[in-house]
Amino acid sequence: MRVLIALLVIIYLVGVGVVLAPTIQAKWKDASAADLVASVMQELPKALAWPARAFRSITGRGRGEP
């Protein structure tokens, strides 16, 4: 059971990293550290909710379809 929970946590954290990657990549070289952190903090709620968006895209919910 611990292995299953650990696997789910790892998958969740990797998903968060995948969602945040474009923001980090865009700001990494050109922006200051404070600007990078501000951008990441702004995108963090969206990144943490990636499982809900993935579920909605798979099931077709949330697009006005019945």
Protein backbone atom coordinates (compact mmCIF):
# COMPACT_ATOMS: atom_id res chain seq x y z
CA MET A 1 0.00 0.00 0.00
CA ARG A 2 2.88 2.35 0.76
CA VAL A 3 4.36 1.71 -2.64
CA LEU A 4 1.07 2.59 -4.33
CA ILE A 5 0.76 5.84 -2.36
CA ALA A 6 4.38 6.72 -3.08
CA LEU A 7 3.85 6.04 -6.78
CA LEU A 8 0.76 8.27 -6.87
CA VAL A 9 2.62 11.08 -5.09
CA ILE A 10 5.53 10.81 -7.51
CA ILE A 11 3.20 10.88 -10.53
CA TYR A 12 1.39 13.90 -9.09
CA LEU A 13 4.63 15.82 -8.48
CA VAL A 14 5.95 14.99 -11.94
CA GLY A 15 2.69 16.30 -13.40
CA VAL A 16 3.08 19.52 -11.44
CA GLY A 17 6.60 19.86 -12.82
CA VAL A 18 5.40 19.26 -16.36
CA VAL A 19 2.78 21.99 -16.04
CA LEU A 20 5.29 24.45 -14.54
CA ALA A 21 8.08 23.64 -17.02
CA PRO A 22 7.07 26.12 -19.76
CA THR A 23 6.90 28.97 -17.25
CA ILE A 24 10.26 28.12 -15.76
CA GLN A 25 11.85 27.65 -19.17
CA ALA A 26 10.56 30.99 -20.45
CA LYS A 27 11.79 32.94 -17.41
CA TRP A 28 14.96 31.03 -16.54
CA LYS A 29 17.58 33.12 -18.36
CA ASP A 30 15.92 36.48 -18.95
CA ALA A 31 14.14 37.22 -15.68
CA SER A 32 15.35 37.90 -12.16
CA ALA A 33 14.91 35.29 -9.46
CA ALA A 34 12.07 37.28 -7.91
CA ASP A 35 10.26 37.44 -11.26
CA LEU A 36 10.76 33.70 -11.77
CA VAL A 37 9.34 32.91 -8.33
CA ALA A 38 6.42 35.28 -8.89
CA SER A 39 5.60 33.61 -12.19
CA VAL A 40 5.82 30.13 -10.68
CA MET A 41 3.62 31.16 -7.75
CA GLN A 42 1.05 32.58 -10.17
CA GLU A 43 0.94 29.32 -12.15
CA LEU A 44 1.06 27.04 -9.10
CA PRO A 45 -2.73 26.73 -8.52
CA LYS A 46 -3.19 25.68 -12.15
CA ALA A 47 -0.32 23.23 -11.84
CA LEU A 48 -1.67 21.67 -8.67
CA ALA A 49 -5.06 21.10 -10.31
CA TRP A 50 -3.72 19.18 -13.30
CA PRO A 51 -5.46 15.89 -12.40
CA ALA A 52 -8.89 17.56 -12.58
CA ARG A 53 -8.12 19.11 -15.96
CA ALA A 54 -6.81 15.78 -17.25
CA PHE A 55 -9.96 14.00 -16.08
CA ARG A 56 -12.20 16.59 -17.72
CA SER A 57 -10.30 16.38 -21.00
CA ILE A 58 -10.50 12.59 -21.03
CA THR A 59 -14.20 12.40 -20.18
CA GLY A 60 -15.25 15.40 -22.26
CA ARG A 61 -16.74 17.20 -19.27
CA GLY A 62 -16.28 20.92 -18.86
CA ARG A 63 -16.56 21.66 -22.58
CA GLY A 64 -20.31 22.18 -22.66
CA GLU A 65 -20.96 18.60 -23.73
CA PRO A 66 -23.63 16.58 -21.89
